[in-house]
Protein backbone atom coordinates (compact mmCIF):
# COMPACT_ATOMS: atom_id res chain seq x y z
CA MET A 1 16.43 54.94 96.17
CA LYS A 2 17.00 58.78 94.97
CA LEU A 3 18.95 61.08 93.07
CA ALA A 4 20.52 63.53 94.78
CA PRO A 5 22.23 66.84 92.74
CA LEU A 6 25.78 67.45 93.41
CA ASN A 7 27.14 69.88 91.16
CA THR A 8 26.94 70.84 87.69
CA VAL A 9 30.26 71.98 85.35
CA GLN A 10 29.03 74.64 83.10
CA ASN A 11 31.00 75.08 79.84
CA ALA A 12 32.77 71.80 80.50
CA HIS A 13 33.27 71.82 76.75
CA ASP A 14 33.15 74.18 73.79
CA ASP A 15 30.29 72.59 72.34
CA SER A 16 27.77 69.74 72.80
CA VAL A 17 28.73 67.01 74.94
CA TRP A 18 27.59 63.92 73.34
CA THR A 19 29.04 60.86 75.66
CA ALA A 20 30.29 59.92 78.46
CA ALA A 21 31.39 57.09 80.61
CA TRP A 22 33.04 56.00 84.15
CA VAL A 23 36.53 54.79 84.56
CA PRO A 24 36.96 52.35 87.12
CA PRO A 25 39.07 53.46 90.11
CA THR A 26 42.50 52.11 90.47
CA GLU A 27 44.94 51.86 93.25
CA ASP A 28 46.54 54.82 92.31
CA SER A 29 43.24 56.74 90.66
CA PRO A 30 39.59 57.61 92.00
CA PRO A 31 37.00 56.97 89.40
CA LEU A 32 36.98 59.43 86.87
CA LEU A 33 34.35 60.52 84.22
CA LEU A 34 35.08 60.38 80.45
CA THR A 35 33.66 63.18 78.14
CA GLY A 36 33.08 63.46 74.41
CA SER A 37 32.51 66.43 72.82
CA LEU A 38 31.44 67.97 69.33
CA ASP A 39 34.54 70.24 70.30
CA GLU A 40 36.88 67.35 68.66
CA THR A 41 37.60 66.65 72.50
CA VAL A 42 37.62 64.08 75.25
CA ARG A 43 38.14 65.02 78.67
CA LEU A 44 38.23 63.66 81.95
CA TRP A 45 36.95 65.03 84.93
CA ASN A 46 37.52 63.98 89.14
CA PRO A 47 33.99 64.32 90.37
CA GLU A 48 35.40 65.24 93.62
CA GLY A 49 35.32 69.17 93.13
CA PRO A 50 34.52 68.64 90.31
CA GLU A 51 37.91 69.13 88.54
CA LYS A 52 39.10 68.79 85.16
CA VAL A 53 41.90 66.13 85.11
CA GLN A 54 43.07 66.35 81.22
CA THR A 55 41.60 67.28 77.99
CA ASN A 56 42.86 64.94 74.77
CA THR A 57 42.97 66.11 71.36
CA GLY A 58 43.56 64.20 68.37
CA HIS A 59 40.13 63.89 66.75
CA CYS A 60 39.68 66.29 64.10
CA LEU A 61 35.89 65.78 64.09
CA GLY A 62 33.26 65.53 67.14
CA VAL A 63 33.32 62.34 69.51
CA VAL A 64 30.60 60.29 69.37
CA SER A 65 31.52 57.52 71.88
CA VAL A 66 33.78 56.93 74.71
CA ALA A 67 34.67 53.92 76.18
CA ALA A 68 36.51 52.74 79.70
CA HIS A 69 38.34 49.47 79.90
CA PRO A 70 37.38 47.39 82.94
CA SER A 71 41.01 47.63 84.37
CA GLY A 72 40.41 51.42 84.46
CA ARG A 73 44.04 52.15 82.87
CA ILE A 74 42.70 52.67 79.07
CA ALA A 75 40.21 53.73 77.36
CA ALA A 76 38.85 54.35 73.80
CA SER A 77 36.99 57.43 72.06
CA ALA A 78 35.26 57.31 68.52
CA SER A 79 34.51 60.13 66.35
CA ILE A 80 32.84 60.71 63.14
CA ASP A 81 36.26 61.60 61.59
CA SER A 82 36.07 57.34 61.25
CA PHE A 83 39.02 56.76 63.96
CA ILE A 84 38.88 54.97 67.02
CA ARG A 85 41.60 56.08 69.51
CA VAL A 86 42.64 54.02 72.36
CA PHE A 87 44.78 55.79 74.71
CA ASP A 88 46.30 55.49 78.59
CA VAL A 89 44.08 57.19 80.81
CA ALA A 90 47.12 58.41 83.00
CA THR A 91 49.00 59.53 80.65
CA ASN A 92 47.14 60.39 77.39
CA ASN A 93 49.64 58.59 75.37
CA THR A 94 48.12 56.92 72.32
CA ILE A 95 48.25 52.74 72.38
CA ALA A 96 46.16 52.33 69.17
CA THR A 97 44.46 53.70 66.61
CA LEU A 98 41.69 51.66 64.50
CA GLU A 99 40.49 52.82 61.75
CA ALA A 100 36.75 52.42 59.99
CA PRO A 101 35.36 53.88 56.78
CA PRO A 102 33.25 56.84 57.32
CA SER A 103 29.81 56.77 60.01
CA GLU A 104 31.08 53.29 60.81
CA VAL A 105 31.92 53.77 64.18
CA TRP A 106 28.90 55.10 66.48
CA GLN A 107 29.25 53.66 70.04
CA LEU A 108 31.95 51.76 71.88
CA GLN A 109 31.84 49.09 74.43
CA PHE A 110 34.32 47.16 76.06
CA ASN A 111 33.32 43.52 77.08
CA PRO A 112 33.04 43.01 81.12
CA GLN A 113 36.17 40.50 80.82
CA GLY A 114 38.45 43.19 78.95
CA THR A 115 39.50 41.11 76.01
CA THR A 116 37.38 42.58 73.47
CA LEU A 117 36.23 45.96 72.10
CA ALA A 118 33.03 46.49 70.30
CA ALA A 119 31.49 49.17 67.87
CA ALA A 120 28.20 49.27 66.49
CA GLY A 121 29.64 49.87 62.78
CA GLY A 122 26.81 52.68 61.74
CA GLY A 123 26.23 52.35 57.67
CA SER A 124 28.29 49.53 57.96
CA ALA A 125 24.76 47.68 59.91
CA SER A 126 27.69 45.30 61.71
CA VAL A 127 29.10 45.43 64.79
CA LYS A 128 32.90 45.19 64.74
CA LEU A 129 35.23 43.87 67.41
CA TRP A 130 38.61 44.35 68.28
CA ASP A 131 41.08 42.10 70.21
CA THR A 132 42.37 44.16 73.10
CA ALA A 133 45.84 42.17 73.00
CA GLU A 134 47.18 43.15 69.43
CA TRP A 135 43.97 45.54 68.68
CA LYS A 136 43.21 43.51 65.43
CA LEU A 137 39.69 43.16 63.78
CA VAL A 138 38.76 39.67 65.17
CA ALA A 139 34.97 40.03 63.97
CA ALA A 140 32.10 41.68 62.02
CA LEU A 141 28.81 41.11 63.17
CA GLU A 142 26.43 41.51 60.27
CA VAL A 143 22.72 42.75 61.33
CA PRO A 144 20.89 40.92 59.16
CA ARG A 145 18.48 42.62 56.59
CA PRO A 146 14.74 42.30 57.56
CA GLU A 147 13.16 39.20 55.98
CA GLY A 148 11.59 39.55 52.67
CA LEU A 149 13.64 42.46 50.85
CA LYS A 150 15.71 41.48 48.20
CA PRO A 151 19.19 43.31 48.57
CA SER A 152 18.13 45.38 45.69
CA GLU A 153 15.80 47.19 47.45
CA LYS A 154 18.28 49.53 49.36
CA SER A 155 17.02 49.22 53.09
CA GLY A 156 20.33 49.02 54.17
CA SER A 157 20.61 52.82 55.50
CA LYS A 158 17.69 51.64 57.87
CA LYS A 159 20.00 49.22 59.63
CA PHE A 160 22.25 52.06 60.37
CA ALA A 161 23.76 50.50 63.89
CA LEU A 162 23.47 52.80 66.33
CA SER A 163 24.15 50.93 69.98
CA VAL A 164 25.70 48.19 71.31
CA ALA A 165 25.77 46.42 74.49
CA TRP A 166 27.67 43.32 76.12
CA SER A 167 25.71 40.92 78.49
CA PRO A 168 27.46 40.57 81.81
CA ASP A 169 29.18 37.24 81.06
CA GLY A 170 30.59 38.59 77.33
CA ARG A 171 29.41 36.07 75.72
CA GLN A 172 26.29 38.18 73.74
CA ILE A 173 25.93 41.33 72.28
CA ALA A 174 22.94 43.54 71.29
CA CYS A 175 23.11 45.99 68.84
CA GLY A 176 20.34 48.77 68.28
CA SER A 177 19.65 49.93 64.80
CA MET A 178 18.16 53.27 63.22
CA ASP A 179 14.92 51.10 62.11
CA GLY A 180 14.05 50.46 65.95
CA THR A 181 15.06 46.89 65.92
CA ILE A 182 17.70 45.19 68.42
CA SER A 183 19.80 42.20 67.10
CA VAL A 184 21.20 39.72 69.45
CA PHE A 185 24.45 38.07 68.68
CA ASP A 186 25.85 35.02 70.06
CA VAL A 187 30.10 36.29 70.33
CA PRO A 188 31.88 33.11 70.89
CA ARG A 189 29.85 31.42 67.53
CA ALA A 190 30.02 34.85 66.06
CA LYS A 191 26.35 34.22 64.64
CA PHE A 192 23.55 36.30 64.85
CA MET A 193 20.81 34.87 67.36
CA HIS A 194 17.58 36.71 66.96
CA HIS A 195 15.95 40.45 66.51
CA LEU A 196 13.96 42.26 69.71
CA GLU A 197 11.03 44.22 68.21
CA GLY A 198 8.61 46.69 69.81
CA HIS A 199 10.50 49.85 68.96
CA CYS A 200 9.48 51.87 66.16
CA MET A 201 12.01 54.65 66.05
CA PRO A 202 15.85 54.71 66.47
CA VAL A 203 17.50 52.80 69.39
CA ARG A 204 20.28 54.80 70.54
CA SER A 205 20.94 52.94 73.79
CA LEU A 206 20.94 49.68 75.30
CA VAL A 207 22.45 48.09 78.39
CA TYR A 208 21.97 44.53 80.15
CA SER A 209 20.84 44.53 83.88
CA SER A 210 23.80 44.69 86.40
CA ALA A 211 21.51 42.79 89.06
CA PRO A 212 22.78 38.76 89.35
CA LEU A 213 19.56 37.06 88.75
CA ASP A 214 18.61 39.28 85.99
CA SER A 215 21.37 39.16 83.31
CA ARG A 216 19.57 38.14 80.05
CA VAL A 217 17.56 41.33 80.90
CA LEU A 218 18.13 44.33 78.56
CA PHE A 219 16.72 48.04 78.65
CA SER A 220 16.71 49.98 75.47
CA ALA A 221 16.19 53.60 74.92
CA SER A 222 14.50 54.67 71.95
CA ASP A 223 13.17 57.99 69.84
CA ASP A 224 9.89 56.89 70.12
CA GLY A 225 9.94 58.00 73.86
CA HIS A 226 9.72 54.63 75.24
CA VAL A 227 12.21 52.44 77.53
CA HIS A 228 11.81 48.76 76.79
CA VAL A 229 13.01 46.05 79.16
CA TYR A 230 13.26 42.50 77.39
CA ASP A 231 14.21 38.91 78.25
CA ALA A 232 17.51 39.12 75.11
CA GLU A 233 17.48 35.33 75.25
CA ARG A 234 13.69 34.50 75.38
CA LYS A 235 13.13 37.32 72.56
CA THR A 236 10.14 38.81 75.04
CA LEU A 237 9.24 42.16 75.88
CA ILE A 238 8.81 42.19 79.55
CA THR A 239 7.52 45.92 79.84
CA SER A 240 7.56 49.31 78.12
CA MET A 241 7.94 52.64 80.29
CA SER A 242 7.14 55.63 78.92
CA GLY A 243 7.11 59.28 80.65
CA HIS A 244 9.66 61.20 78.36
CA SER A 245 8.14 63.89 76.21
CA SER A 246 10.47 63.38 73.57
CA TRP A 247 13.18 60.91 72.32
CA VAL A 248 15.03 58.78 75.19
CA LEU A 249 18.47 59.31 73.63
CA SER A 250 20.18 57.08 76.92
CA VAL A 251 19.56 54.61 79.48
CA ASP A 252 21.88 52.96 82.30
CA VAL A 253 21.41 50.95 85.07
CA SER A 254 22.34 51.25 88.78
CA PRO A 255 24.93 49.13 90.29
CA ASP A 256 22.61 47.69 92.26
CA GLY A 257 20.62 46.62 89.83
CA ALA A 258 17.24 48.16 91.21
CA ALA A 259 16.76 51.12 89.23
CA ILE A 260 18.08 52.59 85.80
CA ALA A 261 18.40 56.44 84.65
CA THR A 262 17.51 57.81 81.37
CA GLY A 263 18.42 61.02 79.52
CA SER A 264 16.11 62.70 76.78
CA SER A 265 15.62 65.57 74.14
CA ASP A 266 13.03 66.73 76.53
CA LYS A 267 16.55 67.95 78.40
CA THR A 268 15.02 66.02 81.48
CA VAL A 269 17.10 62.71 83.37
CA ARG A 270 14.92 60.60 84.93
CA LEU A 271 15.48 57.47 87.88
CA TRP A 272 13.00 54.93 87.25
CA ASP A 273 12.31 52.19 89.98
CA LEU A 274 12.31 48.80 88.15
CA LYS A 275 9.89 47.25 90.98
CA MET A 276 7.58 50.01 90.45
CA ARG A 277 8.25 50.10 86.93
CA ALA A 278 7.88 53.75 87.09
CA ALA A 279 9.38 56.94 86.72
CA THR A 280 10.25 58.20 90.58
CA GLN A 281 12.43 61.43 89.95
CA ILE A 282 12.63 63.96 87.25
CA LEU A 283 15.96 66.26 87.28
CA THR A 284 16.43 69.32 85.37
CA SER A 285 19.87 70.49 85.95
CA HIS A 286 20.05 70.73 81.76
CA ASN A 287 18.37 73.26 79.86
CA ASP A 288 18.74 71.16 76.33
CA GLN A 289 18.96 67.93 75.51
CA VAL A 290 20.66 64.92 77.13
CA TRP A 291 22.83 62.81 75.34
CA ALA A 292 24.39 60.38 78.08
CA VAL A 293 23.79 59.58 81.49
CA ALA A 294 26.27 56.95 83.50
CA PHE A 295 26.20 55.21 86.41
CA GLY A 296 29.64 55.05 88.24
CA SER A 297 30.63 51.79 90.41
CA PRO A 298 29.55 51.58 93.91
CA LEU A 299 31.69 54.22 96.23
CA ARG A 300 34.12 52.95 98.50
CA THR A 301 32.78 54.86 101.11
CA ASP A 302 29.44 53.80 101.44
CA VAL A 303 28.89 50.49 98.88
CA ARG A 304 25.33 51.01 98.74
CA SER A 305 25.71 54.62 96.76
CA CYS A 306 27.41 55.31 93.67
CA LEU A 307 27.67 58.78 91.42
CA LEU A 308 25.72 59.43 88.24
CA ALA A 309 26.58 61.78 85.60
CA SER A 310 24.78 63.28 82.81
CA VAL A 311 25.89 65.12 79.74
CA SER A 312 23.93 67.87 77.37
CA ASP A 313 23.57 69.80 74.26
CA ASP A 314 24.04 72.63 77.16
CA LYS A 315 27.61 71.78 76.80
CA SER A 316 27.45 70.60 81.01
CA VAL A 317 28.18 67.95 82.90
CA SER A 318 25.80 67.25 85.89
CA PHE A 319 26.81 64.97 88.88
CA TYR A 320 24.43 62.85 91.14
CA LYS A 321 24.29 60.72 93.96
CA TYR A 322 22.64 57.67 93.96
CA SER A 323 21.58 56.31 97.00
């Protein structure tokens, strides 16, 4: 397995690029990349070229998260202005505006079935779930406080919810917090199940394995410099991988489930072979911290390959081919 650098778009935004997500291909559109920036815009890119397809305005502060619906037709962006904007990918028309109090939307993710949008709720220490048929808030999954603390001891800030991931069957959600804990929830019962422990600093990114036999496997990226691999159901830490010299800001898993990519404040993107449990490649296309890495779906022309994108504080977007 390897990553071959394709293109880097310099000055893809007017300020730091904080988030990226692939829009799945549709009958009339190739896969597109969504990026969100401190410049308050969301931009849509065709990796062929690469060329900018459109710029979406509508937020009045930096965009912290973007997410695409599995249909490839709608997407959502969240900003520190406390609004989530749901829009039509093709026309950029606003479909819904979801409001959350300030600093309470930190990361967005649609469930694989496309029926629910989850948002890691920042200072509210919860994961909020919106139904995508009517865009109504249907649940708020509360991250429990550590045992033994009285509510008067203001530890709520420590439970700041930063990251969220859905299991492949859509029945579980994992939420990463500022204090390094990961909370796992049973979604149909809207119930907290357990914590996954092992990180000692903020968990900024989570993703479940895409491999059919590994659907319980959860990958986490943390400011402690480690990537953890958990069995999210059995509450066990399978392995811990290190190599970045600073915070690990983002993790994503390849469509074949054989590799993960990470982005770090050490300015590198790394590719990790999960069998070897080691980084096999270090890419240095950015000259500032890498906030997000995202694998696209398998290429129509070669199903064993896909694209990877990375975005950075250096305002650029880089594309790679994974094979």
